[in-house]
């Protein structure tokens, strides 16, 4: 989740610290976070200034990030919302959580 300073902070601290939180609630928070990040990346791509985006390293990085966040959303969708150990593994491996 993005803080007031613009930095991204993990939202799944309950999962990573072992606090007792309903797995479904954690899953929903993770899913919303990934969707927000996806939307931010897509917005950056849409508003990226010309010219020649294919030759621009930052633009290519945004395209890569979009692919990665979509991949993580699909991976999260495959996790049982009640499986807390799978959610913890997901958070540990995620580049966006």
PDB file of N, CA and C in Angstrom:
ATOM      1  N   UNK A   1       0.848  -1.165   0.000  1.00  0.00           N
ATOM      2  CA  UNK A   1       0.000   0.000   0.000  1.00  0.00           C
ATOM      3  C   UNK A   1       0.893   1.226   0.000  1.00  0.00           C
ATOM      4  N   UNK A   2       0.461   2.272  -0.707  1.00  0.00           N
ATOM      5  CA  UNK A   2       1.262   3.474  -0.802  1.00  0.00           C
ATOM      6  C   UNK A   2       0.998   4.354   0.408  1.00  0.00           C
ATOM      7  N   UNK A   3       2.063   4.796   1.037  1.00  0.00           N
ATOM      8  CA  UNK A   3       1.940   5.661   2.209  1.00  0.00           C
ATOM      9  C   UNK A   3       1.785   7.106   1.762  1.00  0.00           C
ATOM     10  N   UNK A   4       1.642   8.003   2.714  1.00  0.00           N
ATOM     11  CA  UNK A   4       1.508   9.427   2.413  1.00  0.00           C
ATOM     12  C   UNK A   4       2.748   9.968   1.717  1.00  0.00           C
ATOM     13  N   UNK A   5       3.888   9.338   1.930  1.00  0.00           N
ATOM     14  CA  UNK A   5       5.126   9.788   1.293  1.00  0.00           C
ATOM     15  C   UNK A   5       5.284   9.234  -0.110  1.00  0.00           C
ATOM     16  N   UNK A   6       4.383   8.338  -0.524  1.00  0.00           N
ATOM     17  CA  UNK A   6       4.466   7.752  -1.850  1.00  0.00           C
ATOM     18  C   UNK A   6       5.191   6.426  -1.881  1.00  0.00           C
ATOM     19  N   UNK A   7       5.786   6.022  -0.764  1.00  0.00           N
ATOM     20  CA  UNK A   7       6.507   4.749  -0.717  1.00  0.00           C
ATOM     21  C   UNK A   7       5.518   3.609  -0.523  1.00  0.00           C
ATOM     22  N   UNK A   8       5.853   2.470  -1.061  1.00  0.00           N
ATOM     23  CA  UNK A   8       4.995   1.300  -0.892  1.00  0.00           C
ATOM     24  C   UNK A   8       5.363   0.570   0.382  1.00  0.00           C
ATOM     25  N   UNK A   9       4.340   0.220   1.142  1.00  0.00           N
ATOM     26  CA  UNK A   9       4.527  -0.494   2.400  1.00  0.00           C
ATOM     27  C   UNK A   9       3.752  -1.796   2.322  1.00  0.00           C
ATOM     28  N   UNK A  10       4.251  -2.859   2.915  1.00  0.00           N
ATOM     29  CA  UNK A  10       3.515  -4.118   2.906  1.00  0.00           C
ATOM     30  C   UNK A  10       2.193  -3.970   3.641  1.00  0.00           C
ATOM     31  N   UNK A  11       1.119  -4.468   3.026  1.00  0.00           N
ATOM     32  CA  UNK A  11      -0.182  -4.424   3.694  1.00  0.00           C
ATOM     33  C   UNK A  11      -0.464  -5.714   4.422  1.00  0.00           C
ATOM     34  N   UNK A  12       0.278  -6.730   4.125  1.00  0.00           N
ATOM     35  CA  UNK A  12       0.005  -8.039   4.704  1.00  0.00           C
ATOM     36  C   UNK A  12       0.896  -8.305   5.901  1.00  0.00           C
ATOM     37  N   UNK A  13       1.118  -7.310   6.714  1.00  0.00           N
ATOM     38  CA  UNK A  13       1.993  -7.497   7.869  1.00  0.00           C
ATOM     39  C   UNK A  13       1.433  -8.518   8.832  1.00  0.00           C
ATOM     40  N   UNK A  14       0.123  -8.645   8.909  1.00  0.00           N
ATOM     41  CA  UNK A  14      -0.471  -9.652   9.793  1.00  0.00           C
ATOM     42  C   UNK A  14      -0.065 -11.053   9.360  1.00  0.00           C
ATOM     43  N   UNK A  15       0.010 -11.268   8.051  1.00  0.00           N
ATOM     44  CA  UNK A  15       0.429 -12.576   7.548  1.00  0.00           C
ATOM     45  C   UNK A  15       1.898 -12.791   7.847  1.00  0.00           C
ATOM     46  N   UNK A  16       2.730 -11.778   7.572  1.00  0.00           N
ATOM     47  CA  UNK A  16       4.166 -11.963   7.726  1.00  0.00           C
ATOM     48  C   UNK A  16       4.614 -11.992   9.185  1.00  0.00           C
ATOM     49  N   UNK A  17       3.840 -11.384  10.080  1.00  0.00           N
ATOM     50  CA  UNK A  17       4.238 -11.387  11.485  1.00  0.00           C
ATOM     51  C   UNK A  17       3.579 -12.501  12.271  1.00  0.00           C
ATOM     52  N   UNK A  18       2.663 -13.220  11.653  1.00  0.00           N
ATOM     53  CA  UNK A  18       2.022 -14.342  12.327  1.00  0.00           C
ATOM     54  C   UNK A  18       0.817 -13.960  13.157  1.00  0.00           C
ATOM     55  N   UNK A  19       0.382 -12.689  13.102  1.00  0.00           N
ATOM     56  CA  UNK A  19      -0.830 -12.289  13.817  1.00  0.00           C
ATOM     57  C   UNK A  19      -2.014 -13.065  13.256  1.00  0.00           C
ATOM     58  N   UNK A  20      -3.030 -13.254  14.089  1.00  0.00           N
ATOM     59  CA  UNK A  20      -4.211 -14.004  13.676  1.00  0.00           C
ATOM     60  C   UNK A  20      -5.178 -13.075  12.947  1.00  0.00           C
ATOM     61  N   UNK A  21      -5.285 -13.247  11.663  1.00  0.00           N
ATOM     62  CA  UNK A  21      -6.220 -12.503  10.836  1.00  0.00           C
ATOM     63  C   UNK A  21      -6.905 -13.522   9.948  1.00  0.00           C
ATOM     64  N   UNK A  22      -8.180 -13.338   9.700  1.00  0.00           N
ATOM     65  CA  UNK A  22      -8.905 -14.264   8.839  1.00  0.00           C
ATOM     66  C   UNK A  22      -8.238 -14.298   7.469  1.00  0.00           C
ATOM     67  N   UNK A  23      -7.900 -15.494   6.984  1.00  0.00           N
ATOM     68  CA  UNK A  23      -7.236 -15.595   5.685  1.00  0.00           C
ATOM     69  C   UNK A  23      -8.021 -14.918   4.562  1.00  0.00           C
ATOM     70  N   UNK A  24      -9.341 -15.033   4.603  1.00  0.00           N
ATOM     71  CA  UNK A  24     -10.144 -14.424   3.543  1.00  0.00           C
ATOM     72  C   UNK A  24      -9.962 -12.910   3.535  1.00  0.00           C
ATOM     73  N   UNK A  25      -9.912 -12.295   4.703  1.00  0.00           N
ATOM     74  CA  UNK A  25      -9.709 -10.845   4.783  1.00  0.00           C
ATOM     75  C   UNK A  25      -8.335 -10.467   4.241  1.00  0.00           C
ATOM     76  N   UNK A  26      -7.328 -11.261   4.578  1.00  0.00           N
ATOM     77  CA  UNK A  26      -5.980 -11.012   4.065  1.00  0.00           C
ATOM     78  C   UNK A  26      -5.961 -11.137   2.553  1.00  0.00           C
ATOM     79  N   UNK A  27      -6.607 -12.183   2.032  1.00  0.00           N
ATOM     80  CA  UNK A  27      -6.675 -12.402   0.587  1.00  0.00           C
ATOM     81  C   UNK A  27      -7.305 -11.189  -0.086  1.00  0.00           C
ATOM     82  N   UNK A  28      -8.385 -10.681   0.477  1.00  0.00           N
ATOM     83  CA  UNK A  28      -9.084  -9.542  -0.121  1.00  0.00           C
ATOM     84  C   UNK A  28      -8.216  -8.287  -0.114  1.00  0.00           C
ATOM     85  N   UNK A  29      -7.481  -8.069   0.965  1.00  0.00           N
ATOM     86  CA  UNK A  29      -6.582  -6.913   1.036  1.00  0.00           C
ATOM     87  C   UNK A  29      -5.485  -7.041  -0.016  1.00  0.00           C
ATOM     88  N   UNK A  30      -4.895  -8.214  -0.130  1.00  0.00           N
ATOM     89  CA  UNK A  30      -3.844  -8.437  -1.125  1.00  0.00           C
ATOM     90  C   UNK A  30      -4.377  -8.216  -2.533  1.00  0.00           C
ATOM     91  N   UNK A  31      -5.552  -8.746  -2.799  1.00  0.00           N
ATOM     92  CA  UNK A  31      -6.150  -8.633  -4.127  1.00  0.00           C
ATOM     93  C   UNK A  31      -6.405  -7.167  -4.485  1.00  0.00           C
ATOM     94  N   UNK A  32      -6.968  -6.404  -3.545  1.00  0.00           N
ATOM     95  CA  UNK A  32      -7.212  -4.979  -3.795  1.00  0.00           C
ATOM     96  C   UNK A  32      -5.897  -4.227  -3.999  1.00  0.00           C
ATOM     97  N   UNK A  33      -4.872  -4.576  -3.228  1.00  0.00           N
ATOM     98  CA  UNK A  33      -3.573  -3.913  -3.371  1.00  0.00           C
ATOM     99  C   UNK A  33      -2.996  -4.170  -4.760  1.00  0.00           C
ATOM    100  N   UNK A  34      -3.043  -5.408  -5.210  1.00  0.00           N
ATOM    101  CA  UNK A  34      -2.512  -5.727  -6.534  1.00  0.00           C
ATOM    102  C   UNK A  34      -3.317  -5.038  -7.632  1.00  0.00           C
ATOM    103  N   UNK A  35      -4.616  -4.979  -7.486  1.00  0.00           N
ATOM    104  CA  UNK A  35      -5.440  -4.289  -8.474  1.00  0.00           C
ATOM    105  C   UNK A  35      -5.116  -2.797  -8.516  1.00  0.00           C
ATOM    106  N   UNK A  36      -4.920  -2.175  -7.342  1.00  0.00           N
ATOM    107  CA  UNK A  36      -4.550  -0.757  -7.310  1.00  0.00           C
ATOM    108  C   UNK A  36      -3.209  -0.538  -8.003  1.00  0.00           C
ATOM    109  N   UNK A  37      -2.242  -1.401  -7.712  1.00  0.00           N
ATOM    110  CA  UNK A  37      -0.919  -1.246  -8.342  1.00  0.00           C
ATOM    111  C   UNK A  37      -1.025  -1.435  -9.844  1.00  0.00           C
ATOM    112  N   UNK A  38      -1.823  -2.426 -10.279  1.00  0.00           N
ATOM    113  CA  UNK A  38      -2.048  -2.635 -11.715  1.00  0.00           C
ATOM    114  C   UNK A  38      -2.621  -1.372 -12.339  1.00  0.00           C
ATOM    115  N   UNK A  39      -3.638  -0.792 -11.713  1.00  0.00           N
ATOM    116  CA  UNK A  39      -4.275   0.413 -12.242  1.00  0.00           C
ATOM    117  C   UNK A  39      -3.293   1.583 -12.310  1.00  0.00           C
ATOM    118  N   UNK A  40      -2.436   1.719 -11.297  1.00  0.00           N
ATOM    119  CA  UNK A  40      -1.423   2.781 -11.306  1.00  0.00           C
ATOM    120  C   UNK A  40      -0.458   2.603 -12.469  1.00  0.00           C
ATOM    121  N   UNK A  41      -0.017   1.376 -12.690  1.00  0.00           N
ATOM    122  CA  UNK A  41       0.930   1.097 -13.779  1.00  0.00           C
ATOM    123  C   UNK A  41       0.273   1.372 -15.124  1.00  0.00           C
ATOM    124  N   UNK A  42      -0.957   0.913 -15.298  1.00  0.00           N
ATOM    125  CA  UNK A  42      -1.669   1.143 -16.561  1.00  0.00           C
ATOM    126  C   UNK A  42      -1.857   2.640 -16.791  1.00  0.00           C
ATOM    127  N   UNK A  43      -2.175   3.381 -15.740  1.00  0.00           N
ATOM    128  CA  UNK A  43      -2.318   4.836 -15.866  1.00  0.00           C
ATOM    129  C   UNK A  43      -0.992   5.471 -16.298  1.00  0.00           C
ATOM    130  N   UNK A  44       0.108   5.042 -15.699  1.00  0.00           N
ATOM    131  CA  UNK A  44       1.423   5.573 -16.083  1.00  0.00           C
ATOM    132  C   UNK A  44       1.716   5.287 -17.545  1.00  0.00           C
ATOM    133  N   UNK A  45       1.370   4.086 -18.012  1.00  0.00           N
ATOM    134  CA  UNK A  45       1.610   3.729 -19.414  1.00  0.00           C
ATOM    135  C   UNK A  45       0.758   4.602 -20.331  1.00  0.00           C
ATOM    136  N   UNK A  46      -0.514   4.774 -19.989  1.00  0.00           N
ATOM    137  CA  UNK A  46      -1.427   5.565 -20.831  1.00  0.00           C
ATOM    138  C   UNK A  46      -1.021   7.030 -20.908  1.00  0.00           C
ATOM    139  N   UNK A  47      -0.475   7.555 -19.839  1.00  0.00           N
ATOM    140  CA  UNK A  47      -0.125   8.978 -19.812  1.00  0.00           C
ATOM    141  C   UNK A  47       1.353   9.220 -20.093  1.00  0.00           C
ATOM    142  N   UNK A  48       2.056   8.190 -20.514  1.00  0.00           N
ATOM    143  CA  UNK A  48       3.487   8.321 -20.773  1.00  0.00           C
ATOM    144  C   UNK A  48       3.703   9.269 -21.954  1.00  0.00           C
ATOM    145  N   UNK A  49       4.604  10.236 -21.808  1.00  0.00           N
ATOM    146  CA  UNK A  49       4.803  11.218 -22.882  1.00  0.00           C
ATOM    147  C   UNK A  49       5.516  10.619 -24.091  1.00  0.00           C
ATOM    148  N   UNK A  50       5.172  11.106 -25.284  1.00  0.00           N
ATOM    149  CA  UNK A  50       5.891  10.677 -26.482  1.00  0.00           C
ATOM    150  C   UNK A  50       7.296  11.261 -26.444  1.00  0.00           C
ATOM    151  N   UNK A  51       8.153  10.977 -27.317  1.00  0.00           N
ATOM    152  CA  UNK A  51       8.053  10.149 -28.527  1.00  0.00           C
ATOM    153  C   UNK A  51       8.539   8.733 -28.273  1.00  0.00           C
ATOM    154  N   UNK A  52       8.620   7.906 -29.173  1.00  0.00           N
ATOM    155  CA  UNK A  52       9.252   6.587 -29.243  1.00  0.00           C
ATOM    156  C   UNK A  52       9.282   5.810 -27.926  1.00  0.00           C
ATOM    157  N   UNK A  53       8.150   5.385 -27.414  1.00  0.00           N
ATOM    158  CA  UNK A  53       8.157   4.636 -26.163  1.00  0.00           C
ATOM    159  C   UNK A  53       8.908   3.307 -26.237  1.00  0.00           C
ATOM    160  N   UNK A  54       8.971   2.693 -27.388  1.00  0.00           N
ATOM    161  CA  UNK A  54       9.640   1.389 -27.500  1.00  0.00           C
ATOM    162  C   UNK A  54      11.134   1.487 -27.214  1.00  0.00           C
ATOM    163  N   UNK A  55      11.698   2.669 -27.354  1.00  0.00           N
ATOM    164  CA  UNK A  55      13.127   2.852 -27.102  1.00  0.00           C
ATOM    165  C   UNK A  55      13.402   3.410 -25.709  1.00  0.00           C
ATOM    166  N   UNK A  56      12.382   3.589 -24.937  1.00  0.00           N
ATOM    167  CA  UNK A  56      12.508   4.220 -23.634  1.00  0.00           C
ATOM    168  C   UNK A  56      12.578   3.159 -22.537  1.00  0.00           C
ATOM    169  N   UNK A  57      13.627   3.171 -21.755  1.00  0.00           N
ATOM    170  CA  UNK A  57      13.841   2.171 -20.710  1.00  0.00           C
ATOM    171  C   UNK A  57      12.729   2.219 -19.664  1.00  0.00           C
ATOM    172  N   UNK A  58      12.324   3.402 -19.225  1.00  0.00           N
ATOM    173  CA  UNK A  58      11.275   3.520 -18.211  1.00  0.00           C
ATOM    174  C   UNK A  58       9.948   2.971 -18.726  1.00  0.00           C
ATOM    175  N   UNK A  59       9.614   3.259 -19.976  1.00  0.00           N
ATOM    176  CA  UNK A  59       8.368   2.749 -20.552  1.00  0.00           C
ATOM    177  C   UNK A  59       8.396   1.226 -20.601  1.00  0.00           C
ATOM    178  N   UNK A  60       9.519   0.675 -21.041  1.00  0.00           N
ATOM    179  CA  UNK A  60       9.647  -0.784 -21.086  1.00  0.00           C
ATOM    180  C   UNK A  60       9.565  -1.384 -19.684  1.00  0.00           C
ATOM    181  N   UNK A  61      10.113  -0.702 -18.699  1.00  0.00           N
ATOM    182  CA  UNK A  61      10.012  -1.152 -17.311  1.00  0.00           C
ATOM    183  C   UNK A  61       8.547  -1.179 -16.866  1.00  0.00           C
ATOM    184  N   UNK A  62       7.785  -0.148 -17.215  1.00  0.00           N
ATOM    185  CA  UNK A  62       6.363  -0.121 -16.865  1.00  0.00           C
ATOM    186  C   UNK A  62       5.614  -1.286 -17.507  1.00  0.00           C
ATOM    187  N   UNK A  63       5.929  -1.587 -18.759  1.00  0.00           N
ATOM    188  CA  UNK A  63       5.296  -2.731 -19.423  1.00  0.00           C
ATOM    189  C   UNK A  63       5.625  -4.026 -18.691  1.00  0.00           C
ATOM    190  N   UNK A  64       6.867  -4.159 -18.265  1.00  0.00           N
ATOM    191  CA  UNK A  64       7.284  -5.346 -17.510  1.00  0.00           C
ATOM    192  C   UNK A  64       6.558  -5.422 -16.166  1.00  0.00           C
ATOM    193  N   UNK A  65       6.437  -4.293 -15.483  1.00  0.00           N
ATOM    194  CA  UNK A  65       5.730  -4.269 -14.205  1.00  0.00           C
ATOM    195  C   UNK A  65       4.256  -4.628 -14.377  1.00  0.00           C
ATOM    196  N   UNK A  66       3.648  -4.152 -15.454  1.00  0.00           N
ATOM    197  CA  UNK A  66       2.249  -4.505 -15.728  1.00  0.00           C
ATOM    198  C   UNK A  66       2.106  -6.012 -15.902  1.00  0.00           C
ATOM    199  N   UNK A  67       3.002  -6.615 -16.656  1.00  0.00           N
ATOM    200  CA  UNK A  67       2.974  -8.064 -16.850  1.00  0.00           C
ATOM    201  C   UNK A  67       3.147  -8.784 -15.521  1.00  0.00           C
ATOM    202  N   UNK A  68       4.081  -8.323 -14.708  1.00  0.00           N
ATOM    203  CA  UNK A  68       4.343  -8.975 -13.418  1.00  0.00           C
ATOM    204  C   UNK A  68       3.172  -8.856 -12.452  1.00  0.00           C
ATOM    205  N   UNK A  69       2.551  -7.678 -12.370  1.00  0.00           N
ATOM    206  CA  UNK A  69       1.428  -7.523 -11.441  1.00  0.00           C
ATOM    207  C   UNK A  69       0.230  -8.344 -11.912  1.00  0.00           C
ATOM    208  N   UNK A  70       0.010  -8.433 -13.212  1.00  0.00           N
ATOM    209  CA  UNK A  70      -1.077  -9.276 -13.723  1.00  0.00           C
ATOM    210  C   UNK A  70      -0.811 -10.746 -13.404  1.00  0.00           C
ATOM    211  N   UNK A  71       0.447 -11.154 -13.497  1.00  0.00           N
ATOM    212  CA  UNK A  71       0.820 -12.531 -13.158  1.00  0.00           C
ATOM    213  C   UNK A  71       0.544 -12.805 -11.676  1.00  0.00           C
ATOM    214  N   UNK A  72       0.872 -11.847 -10.814  1.00  0.00           N
ATOM    215  CA  UNK A  72       0.622 -12.027  -9.379  1.00  0.00           C
ATOM    216  C   UNK A  72      -0.870 -12.047  -9.060  1.00  0.00           C
ATOM    217  N   UNK A  73      -1.652 -11.238  -9.757  1.00  0.00           N
ATOM    218  CA  UNK A  73      -3.104 -11.271  -9.548  1.00  0.00           C
ATOM    219  C   UNK A  73      -3.642 -12.652  -9.891  1.00  0.00           C
ATOM    220  N   UNK A  74      -3.212 -13.205 -11.015  1.00  0.00           N
ATOM    221  CA  UNK A  74      -3.664 -14.549 -11.406  1.00  0.00           C
ATOM    222  C   UNK A  74      -3.220 -15.597 -10.386  1.00  0.00           C
ATOM    223  N   UNK A  75      -2.001 -15.466  -9.880  1.00  0.00           N
ATOM    224  CA  UNK A  75      -1.513 -16.417  -8.872  1.00  0.00           C
ATOM    225  C   UNK A  75      -2.342 -16.313  -7.595  1.00  0.00           C
ATOM    226  N   UNK A  76      -2.665 -15.106  -7.183  1.00  0.00           N
ATOM    227  CA  UNK A  76      -3.479 -14.923  -5.982  1.00  0.00           C
ATOM    228  C   UNK A  76      -4.877 -15.488  -6.187  1.00  0.00           C
ATOM    229  N   UNK A  77      -5.426 -15.331  -7.384  1.00  0.00           N
ATOM    230  CA  UNK A  77      -6.756 -15.869  -7.674  1.00  0.00           C
ATOM    231  C   UNK A  77      -6.795 -17.390  -7.549  1.00  0.00           C
ATOM    232  N   UNK A  78      -5.663 -18.045  -7.740  1.00  0.00           N
ATOM    233  CA  UNK A  78      -5.608 -19.512  -7.643  1.00  0.00           C
ATOM    234  C   UNK A  78      -5.468 -20.004  -6.203  1.00  0.00           C
ATOM    235  N   UNK A  79      -5.196 -19.112  -5.272  1.00  0.00           N
ATOM    236  CA  UNK A  79      -5.009 -19.503  -3.873  1.00  0.00           C
ATOM    237  C   UNK A  79      -6.362 -19.572  -3.174  1.00  0.00           C
ATOM    238  N   UNK A  80      -6.568 -20.623  -2.429  1.00  0.00           N
ATOM    239  CA  UNK A  80      -7.771 -20.767  -1.607  1.00  0.00           C
ATOM    240  C   UNK A  80      -7.777 -19.646  -0.573  1.00  0.00           C
ATOM    241  N   UNK A  81      -8.878 -18.904  -0.498  1.00  0.00           N
ATOM    242  CA  UNK A  81      -8.941 -17.743   0.394  1.00  0.00           C
ATOM    243  C   UNK A  81      -8.839 -18.117   1.868  1.00  0.00           C
ATOM    244  N   UNK A  82      -9.001 -19.383   2.200  1.00  0.00           N
ATOM    245  CA  UNK A  82      -8.909 -19.826   3.598  1.00  0.00           C
ATOM    246  C   UNK A  82      -7.561 -20.474   3.925  1.00  0.00           C
ATOM    247  N   UNK A  83      -6.639 -20.505   2.967  1.00  0.00           N
ATOM    248  CA  UNK A  83      -5.343 -21.164   3.161  1.00  0.00           C
ATOM    249  C   UNK A  83      -4.299 -20.142   3.607  1.00  0.00           C
ATOM    250  N   UNK A  84      -4.163 -19.958   4.918  1.00  0.00           N
ATOM    251  CA  UNK A  84      -3.264 -18.924   5.438  1.00  0.00           C
ATOM    252  C   UNK A  84      -1.799 -19.201   5.113  1.00  0.00           C
ATOM    253  N   UNK A  85      -1.389 -20.462   5.068  1.00  0.00           N
ATOM    254  CA  UNK A  85       0.017 -20.746   4.748  1.00  0.00           C
ATOM    255  C   UNK A  85       0.317 -20.409   3.289  1.00  0.00           C
ATOM    256  N   UNK A  86      -0.630 -20.656   2.398  1.00  0.00           N
ATOM    257  CA  UNK A  86      -0.434 -20.285   0.992  1.00  0.00           C
ATOM    258  C   UNK A  86      -0.378 -18.766   0.846  1.00  0.00           C
ATOM    259  N   UNK A  87      -1.208 -18.067   1.603  1.00  0.00           N
ATOM    260  CA  UNK A  87      -1.181 -16.604   1.565  1.00  0.00           C
ATOM    261  C   UNK A  87       0.150 -16.067   2.087  1.00  0.00           C
ATOM    262  N   UNK A  88       0.659 -16.678   3.142  1.00  0.00           N
ATOM    263  CA  UNK A  88       1.944 -16.249   3.689  1.00  0.00           C
ATOM    264  C   UNK A  88       3.056 -16.482   2.666  1.00  0.00           C
ATOM    265  N   UNK A  89       3.023 -17.617   1.986  1.00  0.00           N
ATOM    266  CA  UNK A  89       4.005 -17.880   0.938  1.00  0.00           C
ATOM    267  C   UNK A  89       3.898 -16.883  -0.203  1.00  0.00           C
ATOM    268  N   UNK A  90       2.667 -16.538  -0.553  1.00  0.00           N
ATOM    269  CA  UNK A  90       2.449 -15.564  -1.619  1.00  0.00           C
ATOM    270  C   UNK A  90       3.059 -14.211  -1.248  1.00  0.00           C
ATOM    271  N   UNK A  91       2.789 -13.762  -0.035  1.00  0.00           N
ATOM    272  CA  UNK A  91       3.317 -12.473   0.427  1.00  0.00           C
ATOM    273  C   UNK A  91       4.844 -12.490   0.428  1.00  0.00           C
ATOM    274  N   UNK A  92       5.431 -13.587   0.862  1.00  0.00           N
ATOM    275  CA  UNK A  92       6.896 -13.691   0.908  1.00  0.00           C
ATOM    276  C   UNK A  92       7.514 -13.594  -0.479  1.00  0.00           C
ATOM    277  N   UNK A  93       6.815 -14.134  -1.485  1.00  0.00           N
ATOM    278  CA  UNK A  93       7.359 -14.171  -2.836  1.00  0.00           C
ATOM    279  C   UNK A  93       6.967 -12.958  -3.680  1.00  0.00           C
ATOM    280  N   UNK A  94       6.001 -12.188  -3.231  1.00  0.00           N
ATOM    281  CA  UNK A  94       5.454 -11.098  -4.036  1.00  0.00           C
ATOM    282  C   UNK A  94       6.399  -9.904  -4.110  1.00  0.00           C
ATOM    283  N   UNK A  95       6.456  -9.319  -5.283  1.00  0.00           N
ATOM    284  CA  UNK A  95       7.223  -8.089  -5.466  1.00  0.00           C
ATOM    285  C   UNK A  95       6.383  -6.858  -5.155  1.00  0.00           C
ATOM    286  N   UNK A  96       5.086  -7.045  -4.960  1.00  0.00           N
ATOM    287  CA  UNK A  96       4.178  -5.916  -4.792  1.00  0.00           C
ATOM    288  C   UNK A  96       3.517  -5.852  -3.426  1.00  0.00           C
ATOM    289  N   UNK A  97       3.740  -6.819  -2.568  1.00  0.00           N
ATOM    290  CA  UNK A  97       3.082  -6.846  -1.251  1.00  0.00           C
ATOM    291  C   UNK A  97       4.088  -6.613  -0.142  1.00  0.00           C
TER     292      UNK A  97
END
